[in-house]
Amino acid sequence: MKTRTSGRRQGRVGDDGGRRLDEGELGAGLGRRATLVQFSSAFCQPCRATRRTLAEVAAMVDGVTHVEIDAEERLVLVRDLGIERTPTVLVLDAAGRIVRRAAGQPRRADVIAALGRAVRDMPPEAQ
């Protein structure tokens, strides 16, 4: 997922140096192949559109789960991960390792491309 200097997506993009999240931190199970983690807030309009986009992609790709986290309720995790705005999307591989991060409303094509990176390095038996 890329950033734009103007438009819908801005902010920090990239990976998190192999940082892993587990089911306890997420409050939900990891996807068999990948997990799309969305940090949202109650009055965030782009969060609603992001929720729809990530849910659609998760439904299209077998083994992918979408988890939405209320940033206001999980401030410790937000601070630990350096989440600065909502929506922020993390793409996790099957082991919970953060492989991509983007702030702002993502396009479906960018989410699918980021998922490709998450599943590319999976062992064949896990796919």
C-alpha atoms as a PDB file:
ATOM      1  CA  MET A   1       0.000   0.000   0.000  1.00  0.00           C
ATOM      2  CA  LYS A   2       1.402   3.353  -0.996  1.00  0.00           C
ATOM      3  CA  THR A   3       0.966   6.859   0.326  1.00  0.00           C
ATOM      4  CA  ARG A   4      -0.029   9.941  -1.559  1.00  0.00           C
ATOM      5  CA  THR A   5       0.991  13.464  -0.744  1.00  0.00           C
ATOM      6  CA  SER A   6      -2.590  14.519  -1.353  1.00  0.00           C
ATOM      7  CA  GLY A   7      -5.721  12.445  -1.529  1.00  0.00           C
ATOM      8  CA  ARG A   8      -7.124   9.672   0.570  1.00  0.00           C
ATOM      9  CA  ARG A   9      -4.061   7.943   1.977  1.00  0.00           C
ATOM     10  CA  GLN A  10      -1.330   9.631   3.948  1.00  0.00           C
ATOM     11  CA  GLY A  11       0.966   8.845   6.820  1.00  0.00           C
ATOM     12  CA  ARG A  12       3.425   6.157   7.719  1.00  0.00           C
ATOM     13  CA  VAL A  13       3.642   3.230   5.328  1.00  0.00           C
ATOM     14  CA  GLY A  14       5.841   0.181   5.433  1.00  0.00           C
ATOM     15  CA  ASP A  15       6.511  -2.765   7.638  1.00  0.00           C
ATOM     16  CA  ASP A  16       7.332  -2.939  11.313  1.00  0.00           C
ATOM     17  CA  GLY A  17      10.610  -4.833  11.363  1.00  0.00           C
ATOM     18  CA  GLY A  18       9.060  -8.237  11.950  1.00  0.00           C
ATOM     19  CA  ARG A  19       6.862  -7.197  14.912  1.00  0.00           C
ATOM     20  CA  ARG A  20       4.264  -9.873  15.619  1.00  0.00           C
ATOM     21  CA  LEU A  21       0.770  -9.592  17.058  1.00  0.00           C
ATOM     22  CA  ASP A  22      -0.960 -12.525  18.692  1.00  0.00           C
ATOM     23  CA  GLU A  23      -4.605 -13.372  19.261  1.00  0.00           C
ATOM     24  CA  GLY A  24      -4.473 -11.931  22.775  1.00  0.00           C
ATOM     25  CA  GLU A  25      -3.347  -8.527  21.528  1.00  0.00           C
ATOM     26  CA  LEU A  26      -5.860  -8.550  18.680  1.00  0.00           C
ATOM     27  CA  GLY A  27      -8.776  -9.871  20.694  1.00  0.00           C
ATOM     28  CA  ALA A  28      -9.546 -12.207  17.764  1.00  0.00           C
ATOM     29  CA  GLY A  29      -8.036 -15.136  15.929  1.00  0.00           C
ATOM     30  CA  LEU A  30      -5.471 -14.801  13.159  1.00  0.00           C
ATOM     31  CA  GLY A  31      -6.412 -15.754   9.624  1.00  0.00           C
ATOM     32  CA  ARG A  32      -5.009 -19.013   8.294  1.00  0.00           C
ATOM     33  CA  ARG A  33      -3.142 -17.149   5.519  1.00  0.00           C
ATOM     34  CA  ALA A  34      -3.242 -13.484   6.586  1.00  0.00           C
ATOM     35  CA  THR A  35      -5.037 -10.970   8.779  1.00  0.00           C
ATOM     36  CA  LEU A  36      -6.151  -7.442   7.942  1.00  0.00           C
ATOM     37  CA  VAL A  37      -6.118  -5.354  11.132  1.00  0.00           C
ATOM     38  CA  GLN A  38      -7.964  -2.045  11.053  1.00  0.00           C
ATOM     39  CA  PHE A  39      -7.621   0.583  13.767  1.00  0.00           C
ATOM     40  CA  SER A  40     -10.745   2.774  13.788  1.00  0.00           C
ATOM     41  CA  SER A  41     -12.459   5.414  15.868  1.00  0.00           C
ATOM     42  CA  ALA A  42     -16.153   6.101  16.389  1.00  0.00           C
ATOM     43  CA  PHE A  43     -16.514   9.280  14.343  1.00  0.00           C
ATOM     44  CA  CYS A  44     -14.069   8.426  11.560  1.00  0.00           C
ATOM     45  CA  GLN A  45     -15.874   8.573   8.206  1.00  0.00           C
ATOM     46  CA  PRO A  46     -13.030   6.933   6.208  1.00  0.00           C
ATOM     47  CA  CYS A  47     -13.064   4.075   8.748  1.00  0.00           C
ATOM     48  CA  ARG A  48     -16.503   3.005   7.520  1.00  0.00           C
ATOM     49  CA  ALA A  49     -15.363   2.809   3.909  1.00  0.00           C
ATOM     50  CA  THR A  50     -12.182   1.021   4.995  1.00  0.00           C
ATOM     51  CA  ARG A  51     -14.277  -1.520   6.935  1.00  0.00           C
ATOM     52  CA  ARG A  52     -16.278  -2.307   3.786  1.00  0.00           C
ATOM     53  CA  THR A  53     -13.162  -2.591   1.611  1.00  0.00           C
ATOM     54  CA  LEU A  54     -11.309  -4.892   4.021  1.00  0.00           C
ATOM     55  CA  ALA A  55     -14.395  -7.059   4.613  1.00  0.00           C
ATOM     56  CA  GLU A  56     -14.846  -7.457   0.839  1.00  0.00           C
ATOM     57  CA  VAL A  57     -11.204  -8.437   0.333  1.00  0.00           C
ATOM     58  CA  ALA A  58     -11.277 -10.857   3.277  1.00  0.00           C
ATOM     59  CA  ALA A  59     -14.390 -12.489   1.785  1.00  0.00           C
ATOM     60  CA  MET A  60     -12.686 -12.787  -1.622  1.00  0.00           C
ATOM     61  CA  VAL A  61      -9.435 -14.362  -0.430  1.00  0.00           C
ATOM     62  CA  ASP A  62      -9.591 -17.740   1.303  1.00  0.00           C
ATOM     63  CA  GLY A  63      -7.878 -17.847   4.690  1.00  0.00           C
ATOM     64  CA  VAL A  64      -7.873 -14.069   5.231  1.00  0.00           C
ATOM     65  CA  THR A  65      -9.521 -12.516   8.294  1.00  0.00           C
ATOM     66  CA  HIS A  66     -10.481  -8.891   8.954  1.00  0.00           C
ATOM     67  CA  VAL A  67     -10.175  -7.622  12.543  1.00  0.00           C
ATOM     68  CA  GLU A  68     -11.306  -4.143  13.512  1.00  0.00           C
ATOM     69  CA  ILE A  69      -9.931  -2.559  16.677  1.00  0.00           C
ATOM     70  CA  ASP A  70     -11.418   0.513  18.341  1.00  0.00           C
ATOM     71  CA  ALA A  71      -8.366   2.730  18.840  1.00  0.00           C
ATOM     72  CA  GLU A  72      -9.958   4.590  21.752  1.00  0.00           C
ATOM     73  CA  GLU A  73     -10.551   1.367  23.681  1.00  0.00           C
ATOM     74  CA  ARG A  74      -7.067  -0.040  23.010  1.00  0.00           C
ATOM     75  CA  LEU A  75      -4.812   2.953  23.698  1.00  0.00           C
ATOM     76  CA  VAL A  76      -1.939   0.859  25.063  1.00  0.00           C
ATOM     77  CA  LEU A  77      -1.761  -1.177  21.846  1.00  0.00           C
ATOM     78  CA  VAL A  78      -2.184   1.972  19.742  1.00  0.00           C
ATOM     79  CA  ARG A  79       0.754   3.624  21.494  1.00  0.00           C
ATOM     80  CA  ASP A  80       2.858   0.458  21.364  1.00  0.00           C
ATOM     81  CA  LEU A  81       2.370   0.208  17.597  1.00  0.00           C
ATOM     82  CA  GLY A  82       2.752   3.926  16.931  1.00  0.00           C
ATOM     83  CA  ILE A  83      -0.715   4.300  15.421  1.00  0.00           C
ATOM     84  CA  GLU A  84      -1.106   8.032  14.773  1.00  0.00           C
ATOM     85  CA  ARG A  85      -4.415   8.256  12.914  1.00  0.00           C
ATOM     86  CA  THR A  86      -7.466   6.290  11.929  1.00  0.00           C
ATOM     87  CA  PRO A  87      -7.961   4.360   9.863  1.00  0.00           C
ATOM     88  CA  THR A  88      -4.628   2.586  10.007  1.00  0.00           C
ATOM     89  CA  VAL A  89      -4.405  -0.865   8.428  1.00  0.00           C
ATOM     90  CA  LEU A  90      -1.848  -3.522   9.309  1.00  0.00           C
ATOM     91  CA  VAL A  91      -1.424  -6.595   7.122  1.00  0.00           C
ATOM     92  CA  LEU A  92      -0.243  -9.609   9.102  1.00  0.00           C
ATOM     93  CA  ASP A  93       1.068 -12.873   7.715  1.00  0.00           C
ATOM     94  CA  ALA A  94      -0.170 -16.220   9.028  1.00  0.00           C
ATOM     95  CA  ALA A  95       2.197 -16.016  12.009  1.00  0.00           C
ATOM     96  CA  GLY A  96       0.973 -12.535  12.983  1.00  0.00           C
ATOM     97  CA  ARG A  97       4.066 -10.708  11.674  1.00  0.00           C
ATOM     98  CA  ILE A  98       3.305  -7.186  10.414  1.00  0.00           C
ATOM     99  CA  VAL A  99       4.305  -7.134   6.753  1.00  0.00           C
ATOM    100  CA  ARG A 100       2.621  -3.863   5.683  1.00  0.00           C
ATOM    101  CA  ARG A 101       1.155  -0.791   7.327  1.00  0.00           C
ATOM    102  CA  ALA A 102      -0.739   2.136   5.853  1.00  0.00           C
ATOM    103  CA  ALA A 103      -2.628   5.075   7.307  1.00  0.00           C
ATOM    104  CA  GLY A 104      -5.732   6.388   5.587  1.00  0.00           C
ATOM    105  CA  GLN A 105      -8.403   4.789   3.449  1.00  0.00           C
ATOM    106  CA  PRO A 106      -6.852   2.092   1.224  1.00  0.00           C
ATOM    107  CA  ARG A 107      -7.897   1.118  -2.278  1.00  0.00           C
ATOM    108  CA  ARG A 108      -8.952  -2.500  -2.783  1.00  0.00           C
ATOM    109  CA  ALA A 109      -6.124  -3.111  -5.296  1.00  0.00           C
ATOM    110  CA  ASP A 110      -3.536  -1.916  -2.768  1.00  0.00           C
ATOM    111  CA  VAL A 111      -4.927  -4.211  -0.072  1.00  0.00           C
ATOM    112  CA  ILE A 112      -4.823  -7.185  -2.444  1.00  0.00           C
ATOM    113  CA  ALA A 113      -1.226  -6.357  -3.397  1.00  0.00           C
ATOM    114  CA  ALA A 114      -0.235  -6.125   0.281  1.00  0.00           C
ATOM    115  CA  LEU A 115      -1.882  -9.492   0.924  1.00  0.00           C
ATOM    116  CA  GLY A 116       0.243 -10.937  -1.869  1.00  0.00           C
ATOM    117  CA  ARG A 117       3.326 -10.015   0.119  1.00  0.00           C
ATOM    118  CA  ALA A 118       1.883 -11.561   3.284  1.00  0.00           C
ATOM    119  CA  VAL A 119       1.176 -14.929   1.679  1.00  0.00           C
ATOM    120  CA  ARG A 120       4.169 -15.006  -0.700  1.00  0.00           C
ATOM    121  CA  ASP A 121       6.601 -16.112   1.990  1.00  0.00           C
ATOM    122  CA  MET A 122       4.310 -18.762   3.486  1.00  0.00           C
ATOM    123  CA  PRO A 123       5.522 -22.362   3.351  1.00  0.00           C
ATOM    124  CA  PRO A 124       3.562 -24.299   0.687  1.00  0.00           C
ATOM    125  CA  GLU A 125       2.083 -26.679   3.267  1.00  0.00           C
ATOM    126  CA  ALA A 126       0.521 -23.723   5.122  1.00  0.00           C
ATOM    127  CA  GLN A 127      -1.160 -22.339   2.008  1.00  0.00           C
END
